[in-house]
C-alpha atoms as a PDB file:
ATOM      1  CA  THR A   1       0.000   0.000   0.000  1.00  0.00           C
ATOM      2  CA  ASP A   2       0.974   3.623  -0.334  1.00  0.00           C
ATOM      3  CA  ALA A   3       1.261   5.776   2.764  1.00  0.00           C
ATOM      4  CA  ASP A   4      -1.766   8.033   2.217  1.00  0.00           C
ATOM      5  CA  PRO A   5      -4.911   5.859   1.889  1.00  0.00           C
ATOM      6  CA  ILE A   6      -7.498   5.585   4.634  1.00  0.00           C
ATOM      7  CA  PHE A   7      -8.688   2.041   5.320  1.00  0.00           C
ATOM      8  CA  ALA A   8     -12.105   1.154   6.701  1.00  0.00           C
ATOM      9  CA  PRO A   9     -11.888  -1.290   9.624  1.00  0.00           C
ATOM     10  CA  ARG A  10     -12.779  -4.361   7.526  1.00  0.00           C
ATOM     11  CA  ALA A  11     -11.098  -3.318   4.251  1.00  0.00           C
ATOM     12  CA  LEU A  12      -8.203  -5.749   4.399  1.00  0.00           C
ATOM     13  CA  GLU A  13     -10.390  -8.641   5.500  1.00  0.00           C
ATOM     14  CA  LEU A  14     -12.944  -8.044   2.736  1.00  0.00           C
ATOM     15  CA  GLY A  15     -10.213  -7.527   0.137  1.00  0.00           C
ATOM     16  CA  LEU A  16      -8.562 -10.787   1.113  1.00  0.00           C
ATOM     17  CA  ARG A  17     -11.915 -12.604   1.019  1.00  0.00           C
ATOM     18  CA  GLN A  18     -12.515 -11.253  -2.485  1.00  0.00           C
ATOM     19  CA  ALA A  19      -9.030 -12.322  -3.632  1.00  0.00           C
ATOM     20  CA  VAL A  20      -9.624 -15.855  -2.304  1.00  0.00           C
ATOM     21  CA  ALA A  21     -13.102 -16.025  -3.848  1.00  0.00           C
ATOM     22  CA  GLU A  22     -11.714 -14.910  -7.229  1.00  0.00           C
ATOM     23  CA  ARG A  23      -8.691 -17.223  -6.897  1.00  0.00           C
ATOM     24  CA  ALA A  24      -6.648 -14.144  -7.722  1.00  0.00           C
ATOM     25  CA  ASP A  25      -2.884 -13.973  -7.521  1.00  0.00           C
ATOM     26  CA  HIS A  26      -3.291 -10.199  -7.651  1.00  0.00           C
ATOM     27  CA  LEU A  27      -6.368  -8.198  -6.697  1.00  0.00           C
ATOM     28  CA  VAL A  28      -6.758  -4.454  -7.030  1.00  0.00           C
ATOM     29  CA  LEU A  29      -9.470  -3.047  -4.805  1.00  0.00           C
ATOM     30  CA  LEU A  30     -10.596   0.226  -6.385  1.00  0.00           C
ATOM     31  CA  ALA A  31     -10.462   3.088  -3.923  1.00  0.00           C
ATOM     32  CA  THR A  32     -12.933   5.872  -3.301  1.00  0.00           C
ATOM     33  CA  LEU A  33     -11.407   9.159  -4.456  1.00  0.00           C
ATOM     34  CA  LEU A  34     -11.887  11.924  -1.922  1.00  0.00           C
ATOM     35  CA  SER A  35     -12.111  15.535  -3.036  1.00  0.00           C
ATOM     36  CA  GLU A  36     -12.589  18.964  -1.588  1.00  0.00           C
ATOM     37  CA  GLY A  37     -14.798  20.987  -3.852  1.00  0.00           C
ATOM     38  CA  LEU A  38     -16.129  20.750  -7.360  1.00  0.00           C
ATOM     39  CA  GLY A  39     -12.787  21.513  -9.029  1.00  0.00           C
ATOM     40  CA  GLU A  40     -11.027  18.554  -7.431  1.00  0.00           C
ATOM     41  CA  ALA A  41     -13.979  16.250  -8.125  1.00  0.00           C
ATOM     42  CA  ALA A  42     -14.098  17.306 -11.784  1.00  0.00           C
ATOM     43  CA  THR A  43     -10.344  16.914 -12.140  1.00  0.00           C
ATOM     44  CA  ALA A  44     -10.441  13.402 -10.655  1.00  0.00           C
ATOM     45  CA  ALA A  45     -13.322  12.512 -13.005  1.00  0.00           C
ATOM     46  CA  ILE A  46     -11.257  13.687 -15.989  1.00  0.00           C
ATOM     47  CA  ALA A  47      -8.338  11.534 -14.847  1.00  0.00           C
ATOM     48  CA  GLN A  48     -10.599   8.488 -14.555  1.00  0.00           C
ATOM     49  CA  ALA A  49     -12.048   9.110 -18.018  1.00  0.00           C
ATOM     50  CA  LEU A  50      -8.569   9.456 -19.541  1.00  0.00           C
ATOM     51  CA  SER A  51      -7.377   6.266 -17.884  1.00  0.00           C
ATOM     52  CA  GLN A  52     -10.010   4.348 -19.866  1.00  0.00           C
ATOM     53  CA  TRP A  53      -7.896   5.090 -22.959  1.00  0.00           C
ATOM     54  CA  SER A  54      -5.100   3.056 -21.388  1.00  0.00           C
ATOM     55  CA  VAL A  55      -6.756   0.083 -19.677  1.00  0.00           C
ATOM     56  CA  ARG A  56     -10.149  -1.622 -19.746  1.00  0.00           C
ATOM     57  CA  LEU A  57     -10.692  -2.614 -16.128  1.00  0.00           C
ATOM     58  CA  TRP A  58     -13.315  -5.218 -17.028  1.00  0.00           C
ATOM     59  CA  LYS A  59     -10.685  -7.037 -19.145  1.00  0.00           C
ATOM     60  CA  VAL A  60      -7.945  -7.278 -16.481  1.00  0.00           C
ATOM     61  CA  SER A  61      -9.156 -10.715 -15.343  1.00  0.00           C
ATOM     62  CA  ASP A  62      -9.267 -12.018 -18.938  1.00  0.00           C
ATOM     63  CA  PRO A  63      -6.031 -14.005 -19.465  1.00  0.00           C
ATOM     64  CA  ASN A  64      -6.241 -13.373 -23.229  1.00  0.00           C
ATOM     65  CA  ALA A  65      -6.553  -9.580 -22.944  1.00  0.00           C
ATOM     66  CA  ARG A  66      -3.551  -7.250 -22.831  1.00  0.00           C
ATOM     67  CA  ASP A  67      -5.110  -5.168 -20.065  1.00  0.00           C
ATOM     68  CA  ALA A  68      -3.343  -5.082 -16.706  1.00  0.00           C
ATOM     69  CA  PHE A  69      -3.737  -2.725 -13.763  1.00  0.00           C
ATOM     70  CA  GLY A  70      -2.235  -1.866 -10.433  1.00  0.00           C
ATOM     71  CA  MET A  71      -3.057   0.688  -7.773  1.00  0.00           C
ATOM     72  CA  GLY A  72      -0.576   1.611  -5.096  1.00  0.00           C
ATOM     73  CA  CYS A  73      -3.115   2.128  -2.361  1.00  0.00           C
ATOM     74  CA  SER A  74      -4.859  -1.223  -2.653  1.00  0.00           C
ATOM     75  CA  SER A  75      -3.084  -4.126  -4.321  1.00  0.00           C
ATOM     76  CA  PHE A  76      -3.224  -7.602  -2.829  1.00  0.00           C
ATOM     77  CA  VAL A  77      -0.497  -9.917  -4.157  1.00  0.00           C
ATOM     78  CA  ARG A  78       0.254 -13.513  -3.199  1.00  0.00           C
ATOM     79  CA  ALA A  79       3.652 -13.605  -1.495  1.00  0.00           C
ATOM     80  CA  GLU A  80       4.768 -16.535  -3.636  1.00  0.00           C
ATOM     81  CA  VAL A  81       3.921 -14.635  -6.826  1.00  0.00           C
ATOM     82  CA  LEU A  82       5.864 -11.598  -5.662  1.00  0.00           C
ATOM     83  CA  ARG A  83       8.865 -13.805  -4.821  1.00  0.00           C
ATOM     84  CA  GLN A  84       8.732 -15.549  -8.210  1.00  0.00           C
ATOM     85  CA  LEU A  85       8.776 -12.172  -9.952  1.00  0.00           C
ATOM     86  CA  GLY A  86      11.833 -10.999  -8.000  1.00  0.00           C
ATOM     87  CA  GLY A  87      10.056  -8.859  -5.421  1.00  0.00           C
ATOM     88  CA  PHE A  88       9.937  -5.089  -5.403  1.00  0.00           C
ATOM     89  CA  GLU A  89      13.621  -4.924  -6.321  1.00  0.00           C
ATOM     90  CA  THR A  90      12.629  -5.488  -9.961  1.00  0.00           C
ATOM     91  CA  LEU A  91      10.563  -2.278  -9.827  1.00  0.00           C
ATOM     92  CA  HIS A  92      13.152   0.072  -8.323  1.00  0.00           C
ATOM     93  CA  MET A  93      13.445   2.344 -11.395  1.00  0.00           C
ATOM     94  CA  GLU A  94       9.761   2.350 -12.315  1.00  0.00           C
ATOM     95  CA  VAL A  95       7.870   5.651 -12.238  1.00  0.00           C
ATOM     96  CA  VAL A  96       4.486   4.014 -11.735  1.00  0.00           C
ATOM     97  CA  GLU A  97       5.550   0.866  -9.936  1.00  0.00           C
ATOM     98  CA  ASP A  98       1.972  -0.075  -9.071  1.00  0.00           C
ATOM     99  CA  LEU A  99       0.968  -0.253 -12.743  1.00  0.00           C
ATOM    100  CA  SER A 100       4.233  -2.002 -13.616  1.00  0.00           C
ATOM    101  CA  LEU A 101       3.615  -4.608 -10.912  1.00  0.00           C
ATOM    102  CA  GLY A 102       0.154  -5.287 -12.338  1.00  0.00           C
ATOM    103  CA  SER A 103       1.656  -5.702 -15.818  1.00  0.00           C
ATOM    104  CA  MET A 104       4.434  -7.987 -14.557  1.00  0.00           C
ATOM    105  CA  ILE A 105       1.925 -10.225 -12.795  1.00  0.00           C
ATOM    106  CA  LYS A 106      -0.401 -10.423 -15.792  1.00  0.00           C
ATOM    107  CA  ASN A 107       2.411 -10.943 -18.323  1.00  0.00           C
ATOM    108  CA  ALA A 108       3.831 -13.787 -16.212  1.00  0.00           C
ATOM    109  CA  GLY A 109       0.514 -15.608 -16.553  1.00  0.00           C
ATOM    110  CA  PHE A 110      -0.799 -15.068 -13.042  1.00  0.00           C
ATOM    111  CA  ARG A 111      -4.452 -14.217 -12.390  1.00  0.00           C
ATOM    112  CA  SER A 112      -5.234 -10.528 -11.836  1.00  0.00           C
ATOM    113  CA  CYS A 113      -8.626  -9.104 -10.878  1.00  0.00           C
ATOM    114  CA  VAL A 114     -10.120  -5.701 -10.153  1.00  0.00           C
ATOM    115  CA  ALA A 115     -12.958  -5.226  -7.656  1.00  0.00           C
ATOM    116  CA  MET A 116     -14.933  -2.245  -6.429  1.00  0.00           C
ATOM    117  CA  GLY A 117     -13.808  -1.158  -2.996  1.00  0.00           C
ATOM    118  CA  LEU A 118     -15.942   1.927  -2.631  1.00  0.00           C
ATOM    119  CA  GLY A 119     -15.958   3.032   0.974  1.00  0.00           C
ATOM    120  CA  LEU A 120     -13.356   0.448   1.965  1.00  0.00           C
ATOM    121  CA  ILE A 121     -10.267   2.368   0.908  1.00  0.00           C
ATOM    122  CA  SER A 122     -10.267   6.119   0.390  1.00  0.00           C
ATOM    123  CA  ILE A 123      -7.597   8.428  -0.944  1.00  0.00           C
ATOM    124  CA  ARG A 124      -7.327  12.072  -1.884  1.00  0.00           C
ATOM    125  CA  TRP A 125      -5.469  11.616  -5.142  1.00  0.00           C
ATOM    126  CA  VAL A 126      -5.808  15.151  -6.530  1.00  0.00           C
ATOM    127  CA  ARG A 127      -5.109  18.210  -4.399  1.00  0.00           C
ATOM    128  CA  GLY A 128      -6.528  21.403  -5.842  1.00  0.00           C
ATOM    129  CA  VAL A 129      -7.732  22.013  -9.389  1.00  0.00           C
ATOM    130  CA  PHE A 130      -4.181  21.787 -10.731  1.00  0.00           C
ATOM    131  CA  GLY A 131      -3.451  18.582  -8.840  1.00  0.00           C
ATOM    132  CA  LEU A 132      -4.037  16.585 -12.016  1.00  0.00           C
ATOM    133  CA  VAL A 133      -1.314  18.590 -13.740  1.00  0.00           C
ATOM    134  CA  GLU A 134       1.106  17.726 -10.939  1.00  0.00           C
ATOM    135  CA  ASN A 135       0.164  14.034 -11.111  1.00  0.00           C
ATOM    136  CA  CYS A 136       0.489  14.009 -14.910  1.00  0.00           C
ATOM    137  CA  GLU A 137       3.943  15.581 -14.708  1.00  0.00           C
ATOM    138  CA  LYS A 138       5.072  12.501 -12.784  1.00  0.00           C
ATOM    139  CA  ASN A 139       2.777   9.740 -14.048  1.00  0.00           C
ATOM    140  CA  GLY A 140       1.126  10.786 -17.323  1.00  0.00           C
ATOM    141  CA  PHE A 141       3.488   9.433 -19.962  1.00  0.00           C
ATOM    142  CA  ALA A 142       4.154   6.285 -17.950  1.00  0.00           C
ATOM    143  CA  LEU A 143       0.387   5.692 -17.658  1.00  0.00           C
ATOM    144  CA  PHE A 144       0.241   5.329 -21.433  1.00  0.00           C
ATOM    145  CA  ARG A 145       3.176   2.884 -21.446  1.00  0.00           C
ATOM    146  CA  TYR A 146       5.587   5.536 -22.806  1.00  0.00           C
ATOM    147  CA  SER A 147       3.785   5.400 -26.122  1.00  0.00           C
ATOM    148  CA  ILE A 148       3.659   8.704 -27.984  1.00  0.00           C
ATOM    149  CA  PRO A 149       0.767   7.593 -30.240  1.00  0.00           C
ATOM    150  CA  LEU A 150      -1.295   6.355 -27.287  1.00  0.00           C
ATOM    151  CA  THR A 151      -0.577   9.548 -25.328  1.00  0.00           C
ATOM    152  CA  LEU A 152      -1.577  11.709 -28.313  1.00  0.00           C
ATOM    153  CA  LEU A 153      -4.713   9.613 -28.792  1.00  0.00           C
ATOM    154  CA  ALA A 154      -5.616  10.128 -25.122  1.00  0.00           C
ATOM    155  CA  CYS A 155      -5.084  13.890 -25.487  1.00  0.00           C
ATOM    156  CA  LEU A 156      -7.296  13.894 -28.587  1.00  0.00           C
ATOM    157  CA  GLY A 157      -9.900  11.886 -26.694  1.00  0.00           C
ATOM    158  CA  PHE A 158      -9.765  14.350 -23.822  1.00  0.00           C
ATOM    159  CA  ALA A 159     -10.189  17.259 -26.234  1.00  0.00           C
ATOM    160  CA  CYS A 160     -13.199  15.535 -27.798  1.00  0.00           C
ATOM    161  CA  ASN A 161     -14.675  14.807 -24.365  1.00  0.00           C
ATOM    162  CA  ALA A 162     -14.248  18.412 -23.282  1.00  0.00           C
ATOM    163  CA  ILE A 163     -14.799  20.471 -26.427  1.00  0.00           C
ATOM    164  CA  LEU A 164     -17.387  18.723 -28.613  1.00  0.00           C
ATOM    165  CA  PRO A 165     -20.208  18.791 -26.037  1.00  0.00           C
ATOM    166  CA  LEU A 166     -19.511  22.488 -25.369  1.00  0.00           C
ATOM    167  CA  LEU A 167     -19.638  23.260 -29.101  1.00  0.00           C
ATOM    168  CA  ALA A 168     -22.937  21.386 -29.398  1.00  0.00           C
ATOM    169  CA  LEU A 169     -24.363  23.344 -26.445  1.00  0.00           C
ATOM    170  CA  ALA A 170     -23.169  26.630 -27.938  1.00  0.00           C
ATOM    171  CA  ALA A 171     -24.889  25.704 -31.221  1.00  0.00           C
ATOM    172  CA  GLY A 172     -28.132  24.998 -29.351  1.00  0.00           C
ATOM    173  CA  LYS A 173     -27.986  21.277 -30.156  1.00  0.00           C
ATOM    174  CA  TRP A 174     -29.029  20.005 -26.727  1.00  0.00           C
ATOM    175  CA  GLY A 175     -29.742  16.450 -27.921  1.00  0.00           C
ATOM    176  CA  VAL A 176     -26.355  16.195 -29.640  1.00  0.00           C
ATOM    177  CA  ALA A 177     -24.626  17.557 -26.531  1.00  0.00           C
ATOM    178  CA  SER A 178     -26.466  15.024 -24.380  1.00  0.00           C
ATOM    179  CA  CYS A 179     -25.420  12.148 -26.646  1.00  0.00           C
ATOM    180  CA  LEU A 180     -21.816  13.350 -26.703  1.00  0.00           C
ATOM    181  CA  LEU A 181     -21.702  13.643 -22.913  1.00  0.00           C
ATOM    182  CA  THR A 182     -23.231  10.183 -22.572  1.00  0.00           C
ATOM    183  CA  TYR A 183     -21.195   8.287 -25.149  1.00  0.00           C
ATOM    184  CA  LEU A 184     -17.797  10.017 -25.298  1.00  0.00           C
END
């Protein structure tokens, strides 16, 4: 775990139960993102939308899919799996070691799963409206696997998510704006 999450009293127990039930070698329990104010909440929502350009969470447990995921505040890993992969020493130069760990586990053929942990683990990931900028300075390019095309595609997707609905609203096309906001 990272140092800054807040754990509910039964979070670890319930996470472990879920990992056992799923027969997971690696389980990521999705955290509740805390925010102070509308700006932080909107910024966190943008980050979550952009991350969907990088990984499909519903495909992480599919052994045939390329999708892998890790989250520093809530990853459960079998000790034997971690030992077989060389422990955390193999991640010492990684910028986003949590995502890299998830990829290592999945690529080695172990079973990874993602589960909702809303209310079990909470974290304030973005601080202030420009908190996303600070996080992207450190994590952004690594999030998209250091791929320039994927990063540019995510930026284009973000622009479409942000600009097209506003243009439709400005043109008085309420139905188009609604569809864009729903399906982009």
